C-alpha atoms as a PDB file:
ATOM      1  CA  MET A   1    -186.694 198.656 273.214  1.00  0.00           C
ATOM      2  CA  SER A   2    -188.891 196.142 275.065  1.00  0.00           C
ATOM      3  CA  GLY A   3    -192.484 195.535 274.092  1.00  0.00           C
ATOM      4  CA  ILE A   4    -193.842 196.971 277.308  1.00  0.00           C
ATOM      5  CA  ALA A   5    -191.811 200.163 276.871  1.00  0.00           C
ATOM      6  CA  THR A   6    -193.061 200.530 273.303  1.00  0.00           C
ATOM      7  CA  ARG A   7    -196.663 200.084 274.419  1.00  0.00           C
ATOM      8  CA  ALA A   8    -196.154 202.578 277.214  1.00  0.00           C
ATOM      9  CA  ILE A   9    -194.797 205.209 274.810  1.00  0.00           C
ATOM     10  CA  GLN A  10    -197.649 204.625 272.365  1.00  0.00           C
ATOM     11  CA  ALA A  11    -200.180 204.928 275.185  1.00  0.00           C
ATOM     12  CA  GLU A  12    -198.643 208.162 276.475  1.00  0.00           C
ATOM     13  CA  TRP A  13    -198.621 209.657 272.985  1.00  0.00           C
ATOM     14  CA  THR A  14    -202.284 208.773 272.524  1.00  0.00           C
ATOM     15  CA  LYS A  15    -203.221 210.261 275.896  1.00  0.00           C
ATOM     16  CA  LEU A  16    -201.274 213.446 275.267  1.00  0.00           C
ATOM     17  CA  ARG A  17    -202.998 214.015 271.927  1.00  0.00           C
ATOM     18  CA  SER A  18    -206.441 213.277 273.366  1.00  0.00           C
ATOM     19  CA  VAL A  19    -206.297 215.786 276.235  1.00  0.00           C
ATOM     20  CA  ARG A  20    -207.778 219.043 274.950  1.00  0.00           C
ATOM     21  CA  SER A  21    -206.048 221.228 277.522  1.00  0.00           C
ATOM     22  CA  THR A  22    -202.582 220.130 276.436  1.00  0.00           C
ATOM     23  CA  ARG A  23    -203.398 220.761 272.767  1.00  0.00           C
ATOM     24  CA  TRP A  24    -204.548 224.280 273.526  1.00  0.00           C
ATOM     25  CA  THR A  25    -201.536 224.877 275.735  1.00  0.00           C
ATOM     26  CA  THR A  26    -199.156 224.067 272.887  1.00  0.00           C
ATOM     27  CA  LEU A  27    -200.943 226.547 270.623  1.00  0.00           C
ATOM     28  CA  VAL A  28    -200.829 229.199 273.342  1.00  0.00           C
ATOM     29  CA  LEU A  29    -197.121 228.525 273.834  1.00  0.00           C
ATOM     30  CA  VAL A  30    -196.263 229.208 270.208  1.00  0.00           C
ATOM     31  CA  GLY A  31    -198.678 232.118 269.994  1.00  0.00           C
ATOM     32  CA  VAL A  32    -197.499 234.021 273.055  1.00  0.00           C
ATOM     33  CA  THR A  33    -193.814 233.348 272.425  1.00  0.00           C
ATOM     34  CA  VAL A  34    -193.867 234.486 268.817  1.00  0.00           C
ATOM     35  CA  GLY A  35    -196.436 237.219 269.392  1.00  0.00           C
ATOM     36  CA  LEU A  36    -194.640 238.860 272.312  1.00  0.00           C
ATOM     37  CA  THR A  37    -191.298 238.658 270.523  1.00  0.00           C
ATOM     38  CA  ALA A  38    -192.768 240.306 267.429  1.00  0.00           C
ATOM     39  CA  PHE A  39    -194.447 243.052 269.453  1.00  0.00           C
ATOM     40  CA  LEU A  40    -191.329 243.945 271.437  1.00  0.00           C
ATOM     41  CA  ALA A  41    -189.165 243.822 268.307  1.00  0.00           C
ATOM     42  CA  ALA A  42    -191.594 246.091 266.474  1.00  0.00           C
ATOM     43  CA  VAL A  43    -191.708 248.752 269.196  1.00  0.00           C
ATOM     44  CA  GLY A  44    -187.980 248.640 269.965  1.00  0.00           C
ATOM     45  CA  SER A  45    -185.535 251.058 268.382  1.00  0.00           C
ATOM     46  CA  THR A  46    -181.944 252.285 268.615  1.00  0.00           C
ATOM     47  CA  ASP A  47    -179.896 255.206 267.382  1.00  0.00           C
ATOM     48  CA  ALA A  48    -176.542 253.467 267.832  1.00  0.00           C
ATOM     49  CA  ASN A  49    -175.473 254.154 264.240  1.00  0.00           C
ATOM     50  CA  ARG A  50    -176.081 257.880 264.660  1.00  0.00           C
ATOM     51  CA  ALA A  51    -173.629 257.821 267.563  1.00  0.00           C
ATOM     52  CA  GLY A  52    -170.734 256.902 265.285  1.00  0.00           C
ATOM     53  CA  GLY A  53    -171.537 253.316 264.433  1.00  0.00           C
ATOM     54  CA  THR A  54    -169.653 251.794 267.370  1.00  0.00           C
ATOM     55  CA  PRO A  55    -170.819 248.331 268.470  1.00  0.00           C
ATOM     56  CA  GLY A  56    -174.134 248.564 270.284  1.00  0.00           C
ATOM     57  CA  ASP A  57    -174.622 247.146 273.753  1.00  0.00           C
ATOM     58  CA  ASP A  58    -178.067 245.649 273.154  1.00  0.00           C
ATOM     59  CA  ASP A  59    -178.172 241.897 272.637  1.00  0.00           C
ATOM     60  CA  VAL A  60    -179.936 241.299 269.328  1.00  0.00           C
ATOM     61  CA  LEU A  61    -180.276 237.588 270.045  1.00  0.00           C
ATOM     62  CA  VAL A  62    -182.007 238.210 273.360  1.00  0.00           C
ATOM     63  CA  ASN A  63    -184.271 240.753 271.661  1.00  0.00           C
ATOM     64  CA  SER A  64    -185.126 238.129 269.051  1.00  0.00           C
ATOM     65  CA  LEU A  65    -186.300 235.676 271.724  1.00  0.00           C
ATOM     66  CA  ARG A  66    -187.998 237.909 274.293  1.00  0.00           C
ATOM     67  CA  GLY A  67    -191.233 235.983 274.031  1.00  0.00           C
ATOM     68  CA  VAL A  68    -189.650 232.943 275.671  1.00  0.00           C
ATOM     69  CA  TRP A  69    -190.027 234.773 278.986  1.00  0.00           C
ATOM     70  CA  LEU A  70    -193.825 234.472 278.704  1.00  0.00           C
ATOM     71  CA  GLY A  71    -193.730 231.228 276.740  1.00  0.00           C
ATOM     72  CA  GLN A  72    -192.093 229.524 279.701  1.00  0.00           C
ATOM     73  CA  VAL A  73    -195.346 229.880 281.630  1.00  0.00           C
ATOM     74  CA  ALA A  74    -197.204 227.997 278.894  1.00  0.00           C
ATOM     75  CA  ILE A  75    -194.585 225.242 278.665  1.00  0.00           C
ATOM     76  CA  VAL A  76    -194.742 224.747 282.438  1.00  0.00           C
ATOM     77  CA  ALA A  77    -198.524 224.508 282.205  1.00  0.00           C
ATOM     78  CA  PHE A  78    -198.158 221.980 279.386  1.00  0.00           C
ATOM     79  CA  GLY A  79    -195.873 219.755 281.443  1.00  0.00           C
ATOM     80  CA  ALA A  80    -198.028 220.017 284.545  1.00  0.00           C
ATOM     81  CA  LEU A  81    -201.261 219.220 282.698  1.00  0.00           C
ATOM     82  CA  ALA A  82    -199.675 216.312 280.841  1.00  0.00           C
ATOM     83  CA  ALA A  83    -198.649 214.755 284.150  1.00  0.00           C
ATOM     84  CA  THR A  84    -201.739 215.477 286.255  1.00  0.00           C
ATOM     85  CA  SER A  85    -204.569 214.843 283.796  1.00  0.00           C
ATOM     86  CA  GLU A  86    -204.633 211.148 284.696  1.00  0.00           C
ATOM     87  CA  PHE A  87    -204.627 211.827 288.421  1.00  0.00           C
ATOM     88  CA  ALA A  88    -207.460 214.333 288.030  1.00  0.00           C
ATOM     89  CA  SER A  89    -209.603 211.981 285.927  1.00  0.00           C
ATOM     90  CA  GLY A  90    -208.714 208.788 287.811  1.00  0.00           C
ATOM     91  CA  THR A  91    -207.477 207.040 284.655  1.00  0.00           C
ATOM     92  CA  ILE A  92    -204.068 206.595 286.288  1.00  0.00           C
ATOM     93  CA  ARG A  93    -205.424 203.344 287.764  1.00  0.00           C
ATOM     94  CA  THR A  94    -206.174 202.027 284.289  1.00  0.00           C
ATOM     95  CA  THR A  95    -202.700 203.000 283.113  1.00  0.00           C
ATOM     96  CA  LEU A  96    -200.986 201.203 285.977  1.00  0.00           C
ATOM     97  CA  THR A  97    -203.171 198.144 285.486  1.00  0.00           C
ATOM     98  CA  ALA A  98    -202.084 197.960 281.840  1.00  0.00           C
ATOM     99  CA  ILE A  99    -198.461 198.811 282.693  1.00  0.00           C
ATOM    100  CA  PRO A 100    -197.763 197.559 286.241  1.00  0.00           C
ATOM    101  CA  ARG A 101    -194.130 198.664 286.123  1.00  0.00           C
ATOM    102  CA  ARG A 102    -194.685 202.205 287.281  1.00  0.00           C
ATOM    103  CA  ILE A 103    -191.206 203.442 286.468  1.00  0.00           C
ATOM    104  CA  VAL A 104    -191.686 202.338 282.846  1.00  0.00           C
ATOM    105  CA  ALA A 105    -194.992 204.204 282.615  1.00  0.00           C
ATOM    106  CA  PHE A 106    -193.413 207.285 284.170  1.00  0.00           C
ATOM    107  CA  GLY A 107    -190.384 207.089 281.904  1.00  0.00           C
ATOM    108  CA  ALA A 108    -192.637 206.857 278.849  1.00  0.00           C
ATOM    109  CA  LYS A 109    -194.515 209.977 279.936  1.00  0.00           C
ATOM    110  CA  VAL A 110    -191.264 211.866 280.483  1.00  0.00           C
ATOM    111  CA  GLY A 111    -189.974 210.809 277.062  1.00  0.00           C
ATOM    112  CA  VAL A 112    -193.147 211.761 275.205  1.00  0.00           C
ATOM    113  CA  VAL A 113    -193.591 215.099 276.977  1.00  0.00           C
ATOM    114  CA  GLY A 114    -189.929 215.943 276.472  1.00  0.00           C
ATOM    115  CA  THR A 115    -190.042 215.116 272.768  1.00  0.00           C
ATOM    116  CA  VAL A 116    -193.190 217.149 272.160  1.00  0.00           C
ATOM    117  CA  ALA A 117    -191.860 220.067 274.224  1.00  0.00           C
ATOM    118  CA  LEU A 118    -188.619 220.078 272.248  1.00  0.00           C
ATOM    119  CA  GLY A 119    -190.533 220.181 268.965  1.00  0.00           C
ATOM    120  CA  ILE A 120    -192.856 222.957 270.084  1.00  0.00           C
ATOM    121  CA  GLY A 121    -190.058 224.908 271.732  1.00  0.00           C
ATOM    122  CA  SER A 122    -187.959 224.659 268.575  1.00  0.00           C
ATOM    123  CA  ALA A 123    -190.811 225.900 266.401  1.00  0.00           C
ATOM    124  CA  ALA A 124    -191.529 228.821 268.735  1.00  0.00           C
ATOM    125  CA  SER A 125    -187.855 229.802 268.994  1.00  0.00           C
ATOM    126  CA  VAL A 126    -187.131 229.610 265.275  1.00  0.00           C
ATOM    127  CA  LEU A 127    -190.292 231.500 264.315  1.00  0.00           C
ATOM    128  CA  SER A 128    -189.554 234.180 266.921  1.00  0.00           C
ATOM    129  CA  PHE A 129    -186.029 234.670 265.629  1.00  0.00           C
ATOM    130  CA  LEU A 130    -187.008 234.791 261.960  1.00  0.00           C
ATOM    131  CA  LEU A 131    -189.904 237.176 262.554  1.00  0.00           C
ATOM    132  CA  ALA A 132    -187.937 239.474 264.840  1.00  0.00           C
ATOM    133  CA  GLN A 133    -184.998 240.084 262.496  1.00  0.00           C
ATOM    134  CA  PRO A 134    -186.725 242.330 259.913  1.00  0.00           C
ATOM    135  CA  LEU A 135    -188.635 244.124 262.683  1.00  0.00           C
ATOM    136  CA  LEU A 136    -185.410 244.884 264.544  1.00  0.00           C
ATOM    137  CA  HIS A 137    -183.797 246.094 261.324  1.00  0.00           C
ATOM    138  CA  GLU A 138    -186.653 248.553 260.865  1.00  0.00           C
ATOM    139  CA  GLY A 139    -185.967 249.840 264.361  1.00  0.00           C
ATOM    140  CA  GLY A 140    -182.350 250.663 263.577  1.00  0.00           C
ATOM    141  CA  TYR A 141    -180.650 247.431 264.611  1.00  0.00           C
ATOM    142  CA  VAL A 142    -178.474 247.317 261.505  1.00  0.00           C
ATOM    143  CA  ALA A 143    -174.772 247.385 260.634  1.00  0.00           C
ATOM    144  CA  PRO A 144    -172.302 248.671 261.549  1.00  0.00           C
ATOM    145  CA  ALA A 145    -173.511 248.945 265.167  1.00  0.00           C
ATOM    146  CA  TYR A 146    -175.529 245.741 264.870  1.00  0.00           C
ATOM    147  CA  PRO A 147    -174.285 243.373 262.149  1.00  0.00           C
ATOM    148  CA  ALA A 148    -176.911 241.080 260.640  1.00  0.00           C
ATOM    149  CA  VAL A 149    -177.240 237.617 262.184  1.00  0.00           C
ATOM    150  CA  SER A 150    -178.713 234.390 260.848  1.00  0.00           C
ATOM    151  CA  LEU A 151    -179.310 230.875 262.106  1.00  0.00           C
ATOM    152  CA  SER A 152    -176.090 229.812 260.403  1.00  0.00           C
ATOM    153  CA  ASP A 153    -174.143 231.935 262.895  1.00  0.00           C
ATOM    154  CA  ALA A 154    -172.873 229.863 265.814  1.00  0.00           C
ATOM    155  CA  LEU A 155    -174.055 232.274 268.509  1.00  0.00           C
ATOM    156  CA  ALA A 156    -177.474 232.675 266.944  1.00  0.00           C
ATOM    157  CA  PHE A 157    -177.896 228.925 266.612  1.00  0.00           C
ATOM    158  CA  ARG A 158    -176.866 228.463 270.246  1.00  0.00           C
ATOM    159  CA  ALA A 159    -179.383 231.055 271.439  1.00  0.00           C
ATOM    160  CA  VAL A 160    -182.265 229.655 269.379  1.00  0.00           C
ATOM    161  CA  ALA A 161    -181.557 225.965 269.958  1.00  0.00           C
ATOM    162  CA  GLY A 162    -180.718 226.663 273.595  1.00  0.00           C
ATOM    163  CA  SER A 163    -184.049 228.400 274.100  1.00  0.00           C
ATOM    164  CA  ALA A 164    -185.809 225.290 272.822  1.00  0.00           C
ATOM    165  CA  LEU A 165    -183.766 223.130 275.211  1.00  0.00           C
ATOM    166  CA  TYR A 166    -184.559 225.519 278.053  1.00  0.00           C
ATOM    167  CA  MET A 167    -188.298 225.217 277.466  1.00  0.00           C
ATOM    168  CA  THR A 168    -187.993 221.433 277.211  1.00  0.00           C
ATOM    169  CA  LEU A 169    -186.246 221.299 280.574  1.00  0.00           C
ATOM    170  CA  LEU A 170    -188.975 223.459 282.111  1.00  0.00           C
ATOM    171  CA  ALA A 171    -191.631 221.088 280.778  1.00  0.00           C
ATOM    172  CA  LEU A 172    -189.820 218.142 282.352  1.00  0.00           C
ATOM    173  CA  PHE A 173    -189.382 220.064 285.588  1.00  0.00           C
ATOM    174  CA  ALA A 174    -193.148 220.645 285.637  1.00  0.00           C
ATOM    175  CA  VAL A 175    -193.783 216.942 284.968  1.00  0.00           C
ATOM    176  CA  GLY A 176    -191.689 216.085 288.007  1.00  0.00           C
ATOM    177  CA  VAL A 177    -193.392 218.625 290.253  1.00  0.00           C
ATOM    178  CA  ALA A 178    -196.843 217.615 289.007  1.00  0.00           C
ATOM    179  CA  THR A 179    -196.178 213.917 289.614  1.00  0.00           C
ATOM    180  CA  ILE A 180    -195.140 214.728 293.167  1.00  0.00           C
ATOM    181  CA  VAL A 181    -198.128 216.945 294.071  1.00  0.00           C
ATOM    182  CA  ARG A 182    -200.670 215.265 291.716  1.00  0.00           C
ATOM    183  CA  HIS A 183    -203.028 218.250 291.546  1.00  0.00           C
ATOM    184  CA  PRO A 184    -203.146 220.380 288.345  1.00  0.00           C
ATOM    185  CA  ALA A 185    -203.630 223.800 289.953  1.00  0.00           C
ATOM    186  CA  THR A 186    -201.077 223.142 292.689  1.00  0.00           C
ATOM    187  CA  ALA A 187    -198.553 221.786 290.203  1.00  0.00           C
ATOM    188  CA  MET A 188    -198.843 224.818 287.933  1.00  0.00           C
ATOM    189  CA  THR A 189    -198.757 227.265 290.843  1.00  0.00           C
ATOM    190  CA  VAL A 190    -195.644 225.736 292.375  1.00  0.00           C
ATOM    191  CA  SER A 191    -193.817 225.312 289.061  1.00  0.00           C
ATOM    192  CA  VAL A 192    -194.616 228.789 287.733  1.00  0.00           C
ATOM    193  CA  ALA A 193    -193.758 230.393 291.075  1.00  0.00           C
ATOM    194  CA  LEU A 194    -190.354 228.692 291.208  1.00  0.00           C
ATOM    195  CA  VAL A 195    -189.603 229.835 287.656  1.00  0.00           C
ATOM    196  CA  LEU A 196    -190.969 233.385 287.684  1.00  0.00           C
ATOM    197  CA  VAL A 197    -190.787 234.673 291.244  1.00  0.00           C
ATOM    198  CA  PRO A 198    -186.959 234.715 291.485  1.00  0.00           C
ATOM    199  CA  THR A 199    -186.801 236.474 288.096  1.00  0.00           C
ATOM    200  CA  VAL A 200    -189.137 239.210 289.295  1.00  0.00           C
ATOM    201  CA  VAL A 201    -187.681 239.499 292.794  1.00  0.00           C
ATOM    202  CA  MET A 202    -184.084 239.828 291.618  1.00  0.00           C
ATOM    203  CA  GLU A 203    -184.929 243.103 289.858  1.00  0.00           C
ATOM    204  CA  PHE A 204    -185.289 244.714 293.292  1.00  0.00           C
ATOM    205  CA  PHE A 205    -181.857 243.666 294.525  1.00  0.00           C
ATOM    206  CA  THR A 206    -178.230 244.155 293.642  1.00  0.00           C
ATOM    207  CA  GLY A 207    -174.998 242.514 294.671  1.00  0.00           C
ATOM    208  CA  THR A 208    -174.730 239.075 296.245  1.00  0.00           C
ATOM    209  CA  LEU A 209    -178.443 238.370 296.621  1.00  0.00           C
ATOM    210  CA  ARG A 210    -179.134 239.190 292.990  1.00  0.00           C
ATOM    211  CA  GLU A 211    -176.262 236.986 291.846  1.00  0.00           C
ATOM    212  CA  LEU A 212    -177.501 234.146 294.047  1.00  0.00           C
ATOM    213  CA  LEU A 213    -180.966 234.318 292.491  1.00  0.00           C
ATOM    214  CA  GLN A 214    -179.463 234.475 289.008  1.00  0.00           C
ATOM    215  CA  GLN A 215    -177.355 231.394 289.666  1.00  0.00           C
ATOM    216  CA  ALA A 216    -179.817 229.246 291.620  1.00  0.00           C
ATOM    217  CA  ALA A 217    -183.258 229.814 290.048  1.00  0.00           C
ATOM    218  CA  PRO A 218    -184.713 227.456 287.424  1.00  0.00           C
ATOM    219  CA  SER A 219    -184.822 230.444 285.050  1.00  0.00           C
ATOM    220  CA  ALA A 220    -180.996 230.585 285.061  1.00  0.00           C
ATOM    221  CA  GLY A 221    -181.196 228.720 281.760  1.00  0.00           C
ATOM    222  CA  LEU A 222    -182.279 231.901 279.989  1.00  0.00           C
ATOM    223  CA  ALA A 223    -178.586 232.797 280.022  1.00  0.00           C
ATOM    224  CA  ILE A 224    -178.275 230.521 276.975  1.00  0.00           C
ATOM    225  CA  GLN A 225    -179.686 233.408 274.911  1.00  0.00           C
ATOM    226  CA  ILE A 226    -177.046 235.933 275.939  1.00  0.00           C
ATOM    227  CA  THR A 227    -174.338 236.767 273.407  1.00  0.00           C
ATOM    228  CA  THR A 228    -173.352 240.313 274.461  1.00  0.00           C
ATOM    229  CA  ALA A 229    -171.657 241.117 277.766  1.00  0.00           C
ATOM    230  CA  ARG A 230    -173.427 243.911 279.658  1.00  0.00           C
ATOM    231  CA  TYR A 231    -173.637 245.269 283.183  1.00  0.00           C
ATOM    232  CA  ASP A 232    -176.634 243.000 283.890  1.00  0.00           C
ATOM    233  CA  THR A 233    -175.177 239.811 282.387  1.00  0.00           C
ATOM    234  CA  PRO A 234    -175.718 236.844 284.755  1.00  0.00           C
ATOM    235  CA  PRO A 235    -172.582 235.546 286.488  1.00  0.00           C
ATOM    236  CA  LEU A 236    -173.057 232.060 285.047  1.00  0.00           C
ATOM    237  CA  GLY A 237    -172.144 231.413 281.442  1.00  0.00           C
ATOM    238  CA  PRO A 238    -174.758 230.337 278.882  1.00  0.00           C
ATOM    239  CA  TRP A 239    -174.228 226.607 279.360  1.00  0.00           C
ATOM    240  CA  GLY A 240    -173.749 226.945 283.106  1.00  0.00           C
ATOM    241  CA  GLY A 241    -177.141 228.616 283.366  1.00  0.00           C
ATOM    242  CA  LEU A 242    -178.782 225.928 281.265  1.00  0.00           C
ATOM    243  CA  GLY A 243    -177.106 223.354 283.493  1.00  0.00           C
ATOM    244  CA  VAL A 244    -178.846 224.860 286.517  1.00  0.00           C
ATOM    245  CA  THR A 245    -182.227 224.453 284.812  1.00  0.00           C
ATOM    246  CA  ALA A 246    -181.289 220.881 283.916  1.00  0.00           C
ATOM    247  CA  GLY A 247    -180.415 220.266 287.560  1.00  0.00           C
ATOM    248  CA  TRP A 248    -183.851 221.430 288.694  1.00  0.00           C
ATOM    249  CA  ALA A 249    -185.520 219.216 286.101  1.00  0.00           C
ATOM    250  CA  ALA A 250    -183.410 216.189 287.039  1.00  0.00           C
ATOM    251  CA  ALA A 251    -184.065 216.679 290.756  1.00  0.00           C
ATOM    252  CA  ALA A 252    -187.824 216.978 290.247  1.00  0.00           C
ATOM    253  CA  LEU A 253    -187.930 213.881 288.030  1.00  0.00           C
ATOM    254  CA  LEU A 254    -185.834 211.813 290.441  1.00  0.00           C
ATOM    255  CA  VAL A 255    -188.068 212.703 293.384  1.00  0.00           C
ATOM    256  CA  ALA A 256    -191.147 212.012 291.263  1.00  0.00           C
ATOM    257  CA  ALA A 257    -189.789 208.605 290.184  1.00  0.00           C
ATOM    258  CA  TRP A 258    -189.096 207.754 293.817  1.00  0.00           C
ATOM    259  CA  THR A 259    -192.560 208.781 295.024  1.00  0.00           C
ATOM    260  CA  ILE A 260    -194.551 207.203 292.216  1.00  0.00           C
ATOM    261  CA  GLY A 261    -193.333 203.745 293.189  1.00  0.00           C
ATOM    262  CA  ARG A 262    -194.072 204.223 296.894  1.00  0.00           C
ATOM    263  CA  ARG A 263    -197.497 205.813 297.051  1.00  0.00           C
ATOM    264  CA  ASP A 264    -200.967 204.579 296.309  1.00  0.00           C
ATOM    265  CA  VAL A 265    -202.556 206.144 293.228  1.00  0.00           C
END
């Protein structure tokens, strides 16, 4: 790694730690993800075993990670704030004076935000899963209808690790959008709307339109959590859905990289 790239990464790490809003956002992310998961797991129940003990049709892995649905709002806010704080304060000029190669500075920001998001997303996902398991058991999600699962199980590991990857991709997507629009409130509004609105709207539709929203929205990556086929299972597979989210993130970052080298700060 070149000296200028190393300095850029160190500078981005220092800036990210020094911005109070991003620190609070990371705490909110873990809190709401774990807290909502625990609440929904605690109030949920099933009588599947009373019905003969046949395999239940609830997805225990999805139920163990419900909080990611709300946590994705916080991770989008984290990415947007990390990218726009310099534009809002005007310190972007100082950054580009110290690191004239704009693409290097942008790449360093993407790398640092992505690394931090992956760490926070992993912590939130693992804690949610571990906390939800005993709560779900108390609600009747036990064998034989619902065999116990652990992180050593391949499907459980995929759901938990995939949820962390999903949140990381959303953070990078928000970085791209924020770098393009440069305004914190606008960046968060646009990013959150693109992630949440299709998820909410699709509940009012069936058939082709619903499938289109499930396949094309940034939130398609939530399919990585699904391990039980149901009537409402998205048409894309787990990795296909995550690939859609990755596509949105890549597109936003590519456009952002193109614009940052062609506009005045």
